[in-house]
Amino acid sequence: MNKLTRLLLIPAMAFTVGGVSACNNIPAEPGSIAADARGKITSNLTEQSIGEFSKSIATNPESGAAYAGRGAVKYAAGDRKGAMADFTKAIELDSKSSAAFWGRATARYAEGDISGAISDALAAATLMASRVPANN
């Protein structure tokens, strides 16, 4: 497999697997105890995760990784605009964060900003390519 194919295919597969694993695929009837419990657990974990990332940001406001992490949680919770804001801040703080570019690309795509998503995906791919050793 040539370098470019690996460069584009591996992140796409990672996002696909991450997206599928982030989905809640356990069937439960609406209004059932299982559905209610799952909703409460998911909501509490999301709020706790966002809270932890927010504490990290308060402690170290220059941490692009903390903004990217909070953006990922917000995106998973359905807050695409909040996720884009956090990914954008992460990129401002660390312009070499391929994860932040990929995250923002995903959020932009979900919001219908296809050209912005492509631009961010290409930026992420370029950053990732620059980290591949020349002999691979």
C-alpha atoms as a PDB file:
ATOM      1  CA  MET A   1       0.000   0.000   0.000  1.00  0.00           C
ATOM      2  CA  ASN A   2       1.533   3.317  -0.970  1.00  0.00           C
ATOM      3  CA  LYS A   3       2.118   6.118   1.542  1.00  0.00           C
ATOM      4  CA  LEU A   4      -0.720   8.363   0.409  1.00  0.00           C
ATOM      5  CA  THR A   5      -3.261   5.555   0.526  1.00  0.00           C
ATOM      6  CA  ARG A   6      -2.146   4.601   4.046  1.00  0.00           C
ATOM      7  CA  LEU A   7      -2.179   8.234   5.068  1.00  0.00           C
ATOM      8  CA  LEU A   8      -5.779   8.715   3.976  1.00  0.00           C
ATOM      9  CA  LEU A   9      -7.188   5.263   4.681  1.00  0.00           C
ATOM     10  CA  ILE A  10      -5.933   4.711   8.227  1.00  0.00           C
ATOM     11  CA  PRO A  11      -7.416   7.943   9.700  1.00  0.00           C
ATOM     12  CA  ALA A  12     -10.682   7.338   7.831  1.00  0.00           C
ATOM     13  CA  MET A  13     -10.879   3.852   9.310  1.00  0.00           C
ATOM     14  CA  ALA A  14     -10.048   5.178  12.776  1.00  0.00           C
ATOM     15  CA  PHE A  15     -12.838   7.750  12.570  1.00  0.00           C
ATOM     16  CA  THR A  16     -15.272   5.123  11.326  1.00  0.00           C
ATOM     17  CA  VAL A  17     -14.409   2.718  14.143  1.00  0.00           C
ATOM     18  CA  GLY A  18     -14.479   5.545  16.681  1.00  0.00           C
ATOM     19  CA  GLY A  19     -17.827   6.749  15.418  1.00  0.00           C
ATOM     20  CA  VAL A  20     -19.351   3.290  15.506  1.00  0.00           C
ATOM     21  CA  SER A  21     -17.973   2.503  18.959  1.00  0.00           C
ATOM     22  CA  ALA A  22     -19.195   5.879  20.228  1.00  0.00           C
ATOM     23  CA  CYS A  23     -22.723   5.010  19.138  1.00  0.00           C
ATOM     24  CA  ASN A  24     -24.997   3.348  21.599  1.00  0.00           C
ATOM     25  CA  ASN A  25     -26.106   0.254  19.707  1.00  0.00           C
ATOM     26  CA  ILE A  26     -27.746  -1.665  22.542  1.00  0.00           C
ATOM     27  CA  PRO A  27     -31.457  -1.865  21.762  1.00  0.00           C
ATOM     28  CA  ALA A  28     -33.835  -0.891  24.537  1.00  0.00           C
ATOM     29  CA  GLU A  29     -37.470   0.029  24.346  1.00  0.00           C
ATOM     30  CA  PRO A  30     -38.112   3.733  24.886  1.00  0.00           C
ATOM     31  CA  GLY A  31     -39.295   4.334  28.440  1.00  0.00           C
ATOM     32  CA  SER A  32     -37.830   1.063  29.696  1.00  0.00           C
ATOM     33  CA  ILE A  33     -35.646   0.965  32.776  1.00  0.00           C
ATOM     34  CA  ALA A  34     -32.629   0.080  30.602  1.00  0.00           C
ATOM     35  CA  ALA A  35     -33.219   3.036  28.285  1.00  0.00           C
ATOM     36  CA  ASP A  36     -33.725   5.425  31.213  1.00  0.00           C
ATOM     37  CA  ALA A  37     -30.606   4.175  33.017  1.00  0.00           C
ATOM     38  CA  ARG A  38     -28.503   4.309  29.878  1.00  0.00           C
ATOM     39  CA  GLY A  39     -29.620   7.888  29.225  1.00  0.00           C
ATOM     40  CA  LYS A  40     -28.785   8.987  32.774  1.00  0.00           C
ATOM     41  CA  ILE A  41     -25.405   7.256  32.764  1.00  0.00           C
ATOM     42  CA  THR A  42     -24.474   8.676  29.367  1.00  0.00           C
ATOM     43  CA  SER A  43     -25.590  12.171  30.346  1.00  0.00           C
ATOM     44  CA  ASN A  44     -23.718  12.067  33.653  1.00  0.00           C
ATOM     45  CA  LEU A  45     -20.525  10.743  32.073  1.00  0.00           C
ATOM     46  CA  THR A  46     -20.671  13.367  29.343  1.00  0.00           C
ATOM     47  CA  GLU A  47     -21.181  16.176  31.850  1.00  0.00           C
ATOM     48  CA  GLN A  48     -18.379  14.823  34.054  1.00  0.00           C
ATOM     49  CA  SER A  49     -16.009  14.519  31.089  1.00  0.00           C
ATOM     50  CA  ILE A  50     -16.748  18.035  29.898  1.00  0.00           C
ATOM     51  CA  GLY A  51     -16.287  19.235  33.479  1.00  0.00           C
ATOM     52  CA  GLU A  52     -12.899  17.537  33.773  1.00  0.00           C
ATOM     53  CA  PHE A  53     -11.691  19.007  30.486  1.00  0.00           C
ATOM     54  CA  SER A  54     -12.994  22.434  31.566  1.00  0.00           C
ATOM     55  CA  LYS A  55     -11.031  22.155  34.834  1.00  0.00           C
ATOM     56  CA  SER A  56      -7.940  21.252  32.848  1.00  0.00           C
ATOM     57  CA  ILE A  57      -8.487  24.285  30.609  1.00  0.00           C
ATOM     58  CA  ALA A  58      -8.939  26.536  33.655  1.00  0.00           C
ATOM     59  CA  THR A  59      -5.665  25.223  35.068  1.00  0.00           C
ATOM     60  CA  ASN A  60      -3.805  25.404  31.764  1.00  0.00           C
ATOM     61  CA  PRO A  61      -5.645  27.647  29.273  1.00  0.00           C
ATOM     62  CA  GLU A  62      -2.880  27.116  26.704  1.00  0.00           C
ATOM     63  CA  SER A  63      -3.563  23.356  26.426  1.00  0.00           C
ATOM     64  CA  GLY A  64      -4.712  22.614  22.907  1.00  0.00           C
ATOM     65  CA  ALA A  65      -5.096  18.950  23.867  1.00  0.00           C
ATOM     66  CA  ALA A  66      -7.634  19.834  26.572  1.00  0.00           C
ATOM     67  CA  TYR A  67      -9.710  21.873  24.116  1.00  0.00           C
ATOM     68  CA  ALA A  68      -9.531  19.062  21.543  1.00  0.00           C
ATOM     69  CA  GLY A  69     -10.583  16.511  24.150  1.00  0.00           C
ATOM     70  CA  ARG A  70     -13.522  18.620  25.285  1.00  0.00           C
ATOM     71  CA  GLY A  71     -14.448  19.169  21.650  1.00  0.00           C
ATOM     72  CA  ALA A  72     -14.530  15.418  21.060  1.00  0.00           C
ATOM     73  CA  VAL A  73     -16.841  14.898  24.046  1.00  0.00           C
ATOM     74  CA  LYS A  74     -19.099  17.749  22.944  1.00  0.00           C
ATOM     75  CA  TYR A  75     -19.268  16.298  19.440  1.00  0.00           C
ATOM     76  CA  ALA A  76     -20.157  12.854  20.792  1.00  0.00           C
ATOM     77  CA  ALA A  77     -22.895  14.505  22.890  1.00  0.00           C
ATOM     78  CA  GLY A  78     -24.341  16.195  19.800  1.00  0.00           C
ATOM     79  CA  ASP A  79     -23.051  19.712  20.481  1.00  0.00           C
ATOM     80  CA  ARG A  80     -21.455  20.245  17.061  1.00  0.00           C
ATOM     81  CA  LYS A  81     -21.133  24.016  17.311  1.00  0.00           C
ATOM     82  CA  GLY A  82     -19.531  23.768  20.756  1.00  0.00           C
ATOM     83  CA  ALA A  83     -17.227  21.063  19.413  1.00  0.00           C
ATOM     84  CA  MET A  84     -16.202  23.233  16.463  1.00  0.00           C
ATOM     85  CA  ALA A  85     -15.450  26.134  18.812  1.00  0.00           C
ATOM     86  CA  ASP A  86     -13.254  23.918  20.988  1.00  0.00           C
ATOM     87  CA  PHE A  87     -11.489  22.321  18.015  1.00  0.00           C
ATOM     88  CA  THR A  88     -10.869  25.792  16.562  1.00  0.00           C
ATOM     89  CA  LYS A  89      -9.374  26.971  19.862  1.00  0.00           C
ATOM     90  CA  ALA A  90      -7.215  23.817  19.976  1.00  0.00           C
ATOM     91  CA  ILE A  91      -5.942  24.603  16.472  1.00  0.00           C
ATOM     92  CA  GLU A  92      -5.202  28.207  17.458  1.00  0.00           C
ATOM     93  CA  LEU A  93      -3.149  26.941  20.397  1.00  0.00           C
ATOM     94  CA  ASP A  94      -1.479  24.050  18.541  1.00  0.00           C
ATOM     95  CA  SER A  95      -1.520  24.427  14.777  1.00  0.00           C
ATOM     96  CA  LYS A  96       0.163  21.013  14.444  1.00  0.00           C
ATOM     97  CA  SER A  97      -2.655  19.053  16.112  1.00  0.00           C
ATOM     98  CA  SER A  98      -3.909  16.681  13.446  1.00  0.00           C
ATOM     99  CA  ALA A  99      -6.501  15.378  15.935  1.00  0.00           C
ATOM    100  CA  ALA A 100      -8.014  18.856  16.306  1.00  0.00           C
ATOM    101  CA  PHE A 101      -8.143  19.290  12.525  1.00  0.00           C
ATOM    102  CA  TRP A 102      -9.776  15.859  12.087  1.00  0.00           C
ATOM    103  CA  GLY A 103     -12.276  16.603  14.841  1.00  0.00           C
ATOM    104  CA  ARG A 104     -13.220  19.945  13.341  1.00  0.00           C
ATOM    105  CA  ALA A 105     -13.445  18.348   9.887  1.00  0.00           C
ATOM    106  CA  THR A 106     -15.914  15.812  11.260  1.00  0.00           C
ATOM    107  CA  ALA A 107     -17.996  18.493  12.984  1.00  0.00           C
ATOM    108  CA  ARG A 108     -17.965  20.707   9.896  1.00  0.00           C
ATOM    109  CA  TYR A 109     -19.063  17.810   7.707  1.00  0.00           C
ATOM    110  CA  ALA A 110     -21.928  17.033  10.093  1.00  0.00           C
ATOM    111  CA  GLU A 111     -22.998  20.686   9.937  1.00  0.00           C
ATOM    112  CA  GLY A 112     -22.953  20.649   6.127  1.00  0.00           C
ATOM    113  CA  ASP A 113     -19.766  22.700   5.684  1.00  0.00           C
ATOM    114  CA  ILE A 114     -18.251  20.325   3.143  1.00  0.00           C
ATOM    115  CA  SER A 115     -15.552  22.676   1.839  1.00  0.00           C
ATOM    116  CA  GLY A 116     -14.451  23.506   5.394  1.00  0.00           C
ATOM    117  CA  ALA A 117     -14.427  19.808   6.259  1.00  0.00           C
ATOM    118  CA  ILE A 118     -12.288  18.999   3.231  1.00  0.00           C
ATOM    119  CA  SER A 119      -9.891  21.821   4.062  1.00  0.00           C
ATOM    120  CA  ASP A 120      -9.482  20.585   7.649  1.00  0.00           C
ATOM    121  CA  ALA A 121      -9.145  16.947   6.563  1.00  0.00           C
ATOM    122  CA  LEU A 122      -6.406  17.903   4.115  1.00  0.00           C
ATOM    123  CA  ALA A 123      -4.632  19.913   6.828  1.00  0.00           C
ATOM    124  CA  ALA A 124      -4.790  16.908   9.155  1.00  0.00           C
ATOM    125  CA  ALA A 125      -3.524  14.572   6.425  1.00  0.00           C
ATOM    126  CA  THR A 126      -0.660  16.933   5.625  1.00  0.00           C
ATOM    127  CA  LEU A 127       0.333  17.098   9.287  1.00  0.00           C
ATOM    128  CA  MET A 128       0.186  13.331   9.563  1.00  0.00           C
ATOM    129  CA  ALA A 129       2.237  12.892   6.374  1.00  0.00           C
ATOM    130  CA  SER A 130       4.942  15.156   7.761  1.00  0.00           C
ATOM    131  CA  ARG A 131       5.376  12.707  10.657  1.00  0.00           C
ATOM    132  CA  VAL A 132       5.866   9.622   8.464  1.00  0.00           C
ATOM    133  CA  PRO A 133       9.510   8.599   8.236  1.00  0.00           C
ATOM    134  CA  ALA A 134      10.954   8.994   4.751  1.00  0.00           C
ATOM    135  CA  ASN A 135      11.828   5.306   4.377  1.00  0.00           C
ATOM    136  CA  ASN A 136       8.218   4.066   4.753  1.00  0.00           C
END
